[in-house]
C-alpha cells in the first residue's frame, strides 16, 4: 500500500473506524496506449444507523506512491431498495431535495436496479484527517435523514443482505 493509503488507515484507526482492507490491481491503458497497472485499496466496514438498520460502507482509494494526491470514493450502500416503480418520481423528488439541502458533501443516488446509496468523491493529500472526517460525517448525515426516507412510499429501508 502507498504511504497516503497507510496514513488514511492509521487516522481511521485513531478515530476508532475499523476497516477490512483489500487490494485490487487491474491493467489500464495510458494516453499513449501503453498498459499500466491501476491499483486500488478497498476499505470496507458497516454503519449501525439505528437499532434495526446496518449499512455496508466502503472507501476506495487510488493507491499510487508516485502521487502527492489520490482520488477516493466513499459509499454508503444498500440504504434502501425501491419496491414500487410507480413511486419513483416521488422518491427522486425527495432525494433531489435531500441532495440540495441536507446531504452536505454527499449525494444520494438510486441505481437502475433500485438500490439507494450515498456517495462522496474527493481528493486526499498528505493529511488524511479531512477525508476521515468526511467519512465519519457521512454516517451522521445518513442518520439525520433516515426519518425522512422512512416517510417515503415505495422504498424498503430494512437491512437487506441479498
C-alpha atoms as a PDB file:
ATOM      1  CA  UNK A   1       0.000   0.000   0.000  1.00  0.00           C
ATOM      2  CA  UNK A   2       1.091   3.557  -0.633  1.00  0.00           C
ATOM      3  CA  UNK A   3       2.130   5.976   2.092  1.00  0.00           C
ATOM      4  CA  UNK A   4      -1.081   8.014   1.662  1.00  0.00           C
ATOM      5  CA  UNK A   5      -3.223   4.899   1.996  1.00  0.00           C
ATOM      6  CA  UNK A   6      -1.326   3.852   5.126  1.00  0.00           C
ATOM      7  CA  UNK A   7      -1.852   7.318   6.635  1.00  0.00           C
ATOM      8  CA  UNK A   8      -5.580   7.109   5.870  1.00  0.00           C
ATOM      9  CA  UNK A   9      -5.883   3.723   7.594  1.00  0.00           C
ATOM     10  CA  UNK A  10      -3.846   4.906  10.612  1.00  0.00           C
ATOM     11  CA  UNK A  11      -6.010   8.025  11.012  1.00  0.00           C
ATOM     12  CA  UNK A  12      -9.155   5.898  10.713  1.00  0.00           C
ATOM     13  CA  UNK A  13      -7.920   3.617  13.495  1.00  0.00           C
ATOM     14  CA  UNK A  14      -7.083   6.661  15.626  1.00  0.00           C
ATOM     15  CA  UNK A  15     -10.721   7.784  15.196  1.00  0.00           C
ATOM     16  CA  UNK A  16     -11.953   4.234  16.042  1.00  0.00           C
ATOM     17  CA  UNK A  17     -13.045   3.418  12.493  1.00  0.00           C
ATOM     18  CA  UNK A  18     -12.122  -0.170  11.662  1.00  0.00           C
ATOM     19  CA  UNK A  19     -11.860  -1.273   8.030  1.00  0.00           C
ATOM     20  CA  UNK A  20     -11.279  -4.575   6.312  1.00  0.00           C
ATOM     21  CA  UNK A  21      -8.740  -3.790   3.571  1.00  0.00           C
ATOM     22  CA  UNK A  22      -8.385  -5.451   0.206  1.00  0.00           C
ATOM     23  CA  UNK A  23      -6.016  -4.504  -2.609  1.00  0.00           C
ATOM     24  CA  UNK A  24      -7.043  -4.712  -6.230  1.00  0.00           C
ATOM     25  CA  UNK A  25      -4.927  -4.246  -9.338  1.00  0.00           C
ATOM     26  CA  UNK A  26      -6.057  -4.204 -12.940  1.00  0.00           C
ATOM     27  CA  UNK A  27      -4.427  -3.178 -16.199  1.00  0.00           C
ATOM     28  CA  UNK A  28      -5.435   0.091 -17.868  1.00  0.00           C
ATOM     29  CA  UNK A  29      -4.134   1.972 -20.887  1.00  0.00           C
ATOM     30  CA  UNK A  30      -2.478   5.369 -20.528  1.00  0.00           C
ATOM     31  CA  UNK A  31      -2.773   8.271 -23.038  1.00  0.00           C
ATOM     32  CA  UNK A  32      -0.199   6.683 -25.324  1.00  0.00           C
ATOM     33  CA  UNK A  33      -1.969   3.313 -25.280  1.00  0.00           C
ATOM     34  CA  UNK A  34       0.576   1.625 -23.019  1.00  0.00           C
ATOM     35  CA  UNK A  35      -0.725  -0.846 -20.478  1.00  0.00           C
ATOM     36  CA  UNK A  36      -0.207   0.306 -16.883  1.00  0.00           C
ATOM     37  CA  UNK A  37      -1.224  -1.209 -13.554  1.00  0.00           C
ATOM     38  CA  UNK A  38      -4.039   0.629 -11.770  1.00  0.00           C
ATOM     39  CA  UNK A  39      -4.049  -0.106  -8.039  1.00  0.00           C
ATOM     40  CA  UNK A  40      -6.917   0.478  -5.644  1.00  0.00           C
ATOM     41  CA  UNK A  41      -7.393  -0.284  -1.991  1.00  0.00           C
ATOM     42  CA  UNK A  42     -10.951  -1.072  -0.945  1.00  0.00           C
ATOM     43  CA  UNK A  43     -11.698  -0.451   2.723  1.00  0.00           C
ATOM     44  CA  UNK A  44     -14.963  -1.964   3.950  1.00  0.00           C
ATOM     45  CA  UNK A  45     -16.922  -1.504   7.148  1.00  0.00           C
ATOM     46  CA  UNK A  46     -20.543  -1.168   8.282  1.00  0.00           C
ATOM     47  CA  UNK A  47     -22.528   1.577   9.959  1.00  0.00           C
ATOM     48  CA  UNK A  48     -25.155   0.819  12.596  1.00  0.00           C
ATOM     49  CA  UNK A  49     -27.679   3.503  11.614  1.00  0.00           C
ATOM     50  CA  UNK A  50     -30.202   2.583  14.291  1.00  0.00           C
ATOM     51  CA  UNK A  51     -31.262  -0.465  16.295  1.00  0.00           C
ATOM     52  CA  UNK A  52     -32.591  -2.288  13.204  1.00  0.00           C
ATOM     53  CA  UNK A  53     -30.518  -0.893  10.342  1.00  0.00           C
ATOM     54  CA  UNK A  54     -26.954  -1.683   9.261  1.00  0.00           C
ATOM     55  CA  UNK A  55     -25.490  -0.094   6.122  1.00  0.00           C
ATOM     56  CA  UNK A  56     -22.388  -1.509   4.409  1.00  0.00           C
ATOM     57  CA  UNK A  57     -19.796   1.210   3.737  1.00  0.00           C
ATOM     58  CA  UNK A  58     -16.670   1.338   1.621  1.00  0.00           C
ATOM     59  CA  UNK A  59     -13.854   3.715   0.831  1.00  0.00           C
ATOM     60  CA  UNK A  60     -11.997   3.117  -2.428  1.00  0.00           C
ATOM     61  CA  UNK A  61      -8.565   4.744  -2.604  1.00  0.00           C
ATOM     62  CA  UNK A  62      -6.435   5.094  -5.722  1.00  0.00           C
ATOM     63  CA  UNK A  63      -3.162   3.583  -4.496  1.00  0.00           C
ATOM     64  CA  UNK A  64      -0.049   5.135  -6.025  1.00  0.00           C
ATOM     65  CA  UNK A  65       3.252   6.022  -4.308  1.00  0.00           C
ATOM     66  CA  UNK A  66       4.181   8.426  -7.120  1.00  0.00           C
ATOM     67  CA  UNK A  67       1.306  10.841  -6.485  1.00  0.00           C
ATOM     68  CA  UNK A  68       1.057  13.683  -3.970  1.00  0.00           C
ATOM     69  CA  UNK A  69      -2.744  13.442  -4.055  1.00  0.00           C
ATOM     70  CA  UNK A  70      -5.004  10.445  -4.563  1.00  0.00           C
ATOM     71  CA  UNK A  71      -8.647  10.114  -5.529  1.00  0.00           C
ATOM     72  CA  UNK A  72     -11.128   8.466  -3.216  1.00  0.00           C
ATOM     73  CA  UNK A  73     -14.741   7.391  -3.311  1.00  0.00           C
ATOM     74  CA  UNK A  74     -16.845   6.876  -0.175  1.00  0.00           C
ATOM     75  CA  UNK A  75     -20.015   4.804  -0.464  1.00  0.00           C
ATOM     76  CA  UNK A  76     -22.816   4.003   1.946  1.00  0.00           C
ATOM     77  CA  UNK A  77     -24.567   1.109   0.185  1.00  0.00           C
ATOM     78  CA  UNK A  78     -27.920  -0.677   0.477  1.00  0.00           C
ATOM     79  CA  UNK A  79     -29.604   2.188   2.278  1.00  0.00           C
ATOM     80  CA  UNK A  80     -32.845   1.152   0.681  1.00  0.00           C
ATOM     81  CA  UNK A  81     -34.463  -0.503  -2.301  1.00  0.00           C
ATOM     82  CA  UNK A  82     -37.205   0.949  -4.488  1.00  0.00           C
ATOM     83  CA  UNK A  83     -40.013  -1.622  -4.368  1.00  0.00           C
ATOM     84  CA  UNK A  84     -42.697   0.321  -6.250  1.00  0.00           C
ATOM     85  CA  UNK A  85     -41.526   1.921  -9.520  1.00  0.00           C
ATOM     86  CA  UNK A  86     -44.786   3.909  -9.644  1.00  0.00           C
ATOM     87  CA  UNK A  87     -43.491   5.859  -6.616  1.00  0.00           C
ATOM     88  CA  UNK A  88     -40.092   6.525  -8.209  1.00  0.00           C
ATOM     89  CA  UNK A  89     -40.908  10.141  -9.236  1.00  0.00           C
ATOM     90  CA  UNK A  90     -41.838  10.982  -5.623  1.00  0.00           C
ATOM     91  CA  UNK A  91     -38.749   9.174  -4.310  1.00  0.00           C
ATOM     92  CA  UNK A  92     -36.465  11.012  -6.737  1.00  0.00           C
ATOM     93  CA  UNK A  93     -38.070  14.335  -5.855  1.00  0.00           C
ATOM     94  CA  UNK A  94     -37.295  13.738  -2.177  1.00  0.00           C
ATOM     95  CA  UNK A  95     -33.752  12.544  -2.980  1.00  0.00           C
ATOM     96  CA  UNK A  96     -33.136  15.695  -5.021  1.00  0.00           C
ATOM     97  CA  UNK A  97     -34.391  17.772  -2.098  1.00  0.00           C
ATOM     98  CA  UNK A  98     -32.040  15.946   0.279  1.00  0.00           C
ATOM     99  CA  UNK A  99     -29.143  16.385  -2.154  1.00  0.00           C
ATOM    100  CA  UNK A 100     -29.820  20.104  -2.380  1.00  0.00           C
ATOM    101  CA  UNK A 101     -30.448  20.841   1.282  1.00  0.00           C
ATOM    102  CA  UNK A 102     -29.201  18.149   3.672  1.00  0.00           C
ATOM    103  CA  UNK A 103     -26.623  15.758   2.250  1.00  0.00           C
ATOM    104  CA  UNK A 104     -23.604  18.061   2.517  1.00  0.00           C
ATOM    105  CA  UNK A 105     -20.586  16.633   0.728  1.00  0.00           C
ATOM    106  CA  UNK A 106     -22.546  13.531  -0.213  1.00  0.00           C
ATOM    107  CA  UNK A 107     -25.231  12.835  -2.760  1.00  0.00           C
ATOM    108  CA  UNK A 108     -27.921  10.187  -2.782  1.00  0.00           C
ATOM    109  CA  UNK A 109     -28.333   8.061  -5.892  1.00  0.00           C
ATOM    110  CA  UNK A 110     -30.887   5.467  -6.995  1.00  0.00           C
ATOM    111  CA  UNK A 111     -29.192   2.846  -9.186  1.00  0.00           C
ATOM    112  CA  UNK A 112     -31.061   1.385 -12.173  1.00  0.00           C
ATOM    113  CA  UNK A 113     -31.721  -1.751 -10.064  1.00  0.00           C
ATOM    114  CA  UNK A 114     -33.490   0.430  -7.477  1.00  0.00           C
ATOM    115  CA  UNK A 115     -30.788   0.436  -4.795  1.00  0.00           C
ATOM    116  CA  UNK A 116     -30.443   3.689  -2.849  1.00  0.00           C
ATOM    117  CA  UNK A 117     -26.936   4.625  -1.812  1.00  0.00           C
ATOM    118  CA  UNK A 118     -24.971   7.707  -0.771  1.00  0.00           C
ATOM    119  CA  UNK A 119     -21.622   8.681  -2.296  1.00  0.00           C
ATOM    120  CA  UNK A 120     -18.815  11.221  -1.981  1.00  0.00           C
ATOM    121  CA  UNK A 121     -15.911  11.680  -4.377  1.00  0.00           C
ATOM    122  CA  UNK A 122     -12.787  13.556  -3.354  1.00  0.00           C
ATOM    123  CA  UNK A 123      -9.058  14.026  -3.401  1.00  0.00           C
ATOM    124  CA  UNK A 124      -6.771  13.386  -0.435  1.00  0.00           C
ATOM    125  CA  UNK A 125      -3.265  14.711   0.129  1.00  0.00           C
ATOM    126  CA  UNK A 126      -0.662  14.070   2.800  1.00  0.00           C
ATOM    127  CA  UNK A 127      -3.092  14.826   5.653  1.00  0.00           C
ATOM    128  CA  UNK A 128      -5.898  12.230   5.728  1.00  0.00           C
ATOM    129  CA  UNK A 129      -7.804  13.955   8.561  1.00  0.00           C
ATOM    130  CA  UNK A 130     -10.281  15.831   6.316  1.00  0.00           C
ATOM    131  CA  UNK A 131     -11.065  12.639   4.368  1.00  0.00           C
ATOM    132  CA  UNK A 132     -11.674  10.605   7.551  1.00  0.00           C
ATOM    133  CA  UNK A 133     -13.799  13.435   8.954  1.00  0.00           C
ATOM    134  CA  UNK A 134     -15.812  13.421   5.717  1.00  0.00           C
ATOM    135  CA  UNK A 135     -16.375   9.669   6.063  1.00  0.00           C
ATOM    136  CA  UNK A 136     -17.491   9.981   9.701  1.00  0.00           C
ATOM    137  CA  UNK A 137     -19.731  12.928   8.840  1.00  0.00           C
ATOM    138  CA  UNK A 138     -21.406  10.782   6.164  1.00  0.00           C
ATOM    139  CA  UNK A 139     -22.712   8.480   8.890  1.00  0.00           C
ATOM    140  CA  UNK A 140     -24.149  11.461  10.745  1.00  0.00           C
ATOM    141  CA  UNK A 141     -25.848  12.718   7.589  1.00  0.00           C
ATOM    142  CA  UNK A 142     -27.382   9.311   6.942  1.00  0.00           C
ATOM    143  CA  UNK A 143     -28.697   9.047  10.498  1.00  0.00           C
ATOM    144  CA  UNK A 144     -30.235  12.525  10.228  1.00  0.00           C
ATOM    145  CA  UNK A 145     -32.147  11.854   7.009  1.00  0.00           C
ATOM    146  CA  UNK A 146     -33.380   8.318   7.782  1.00  0.00           C
ATOM    147  CA  UNK A 147     -36.613   9.604   9.319  1.00  0.00           C
ATOM    148  CA  UNK A 148     -37.409  11.499   6.123  1.00  0.00           C
ATOM    149  CA  UNK A 149     -36.562   8.472   3.972  1.00  0.00           C
ATOM    150  CA  UNK A 150     -38.854   6.298   6.138  1.00  0.00           C
ATOM    151  CA  UNK A 151     -41.791   8.553   5.245  1.00  0.00           C
ATOM    152  CA  UNK A 152     -41.465   7.686   1.554  1.00  0.00           C
ATOM    153  CA  UNK A 153     -43.817   5.162  -0.007  1.00  0.00           C
ATOM    154  CA  UNK A 154     -42.407   2.509  -2.331  1.00  0.00           C
ATOM    155  CA  UNK A 155     -38.987   2.145  -0.725  1.00  0.00           C
ATOM    156  CA  UNK A 156     -37.813  -0.657   1.581  1.00  0.00           C
ATOM    157  CA  UNK A 157     -35.293   0.589   4.152  1.00  0.00           C
ATOM    158  CA  UNK A 158     -34.895  -2.671   6.036  1.00  0.00           C
ATOM    159  CA  UNK A 159     -31.414  -4.163   6.210  1.00  0.00           C
ATOM    160  CA  UNK A 160     -31.049  -6.422   3.186  1.00  0.00           C
ATOM    161  CA  UNK A 161     -28.193  -8.832   2.760  1.00  0.00           C
ATOM    162  CA  UNK A 162     -29.226 -10.166  -0.670  1.00  0.00           C
END
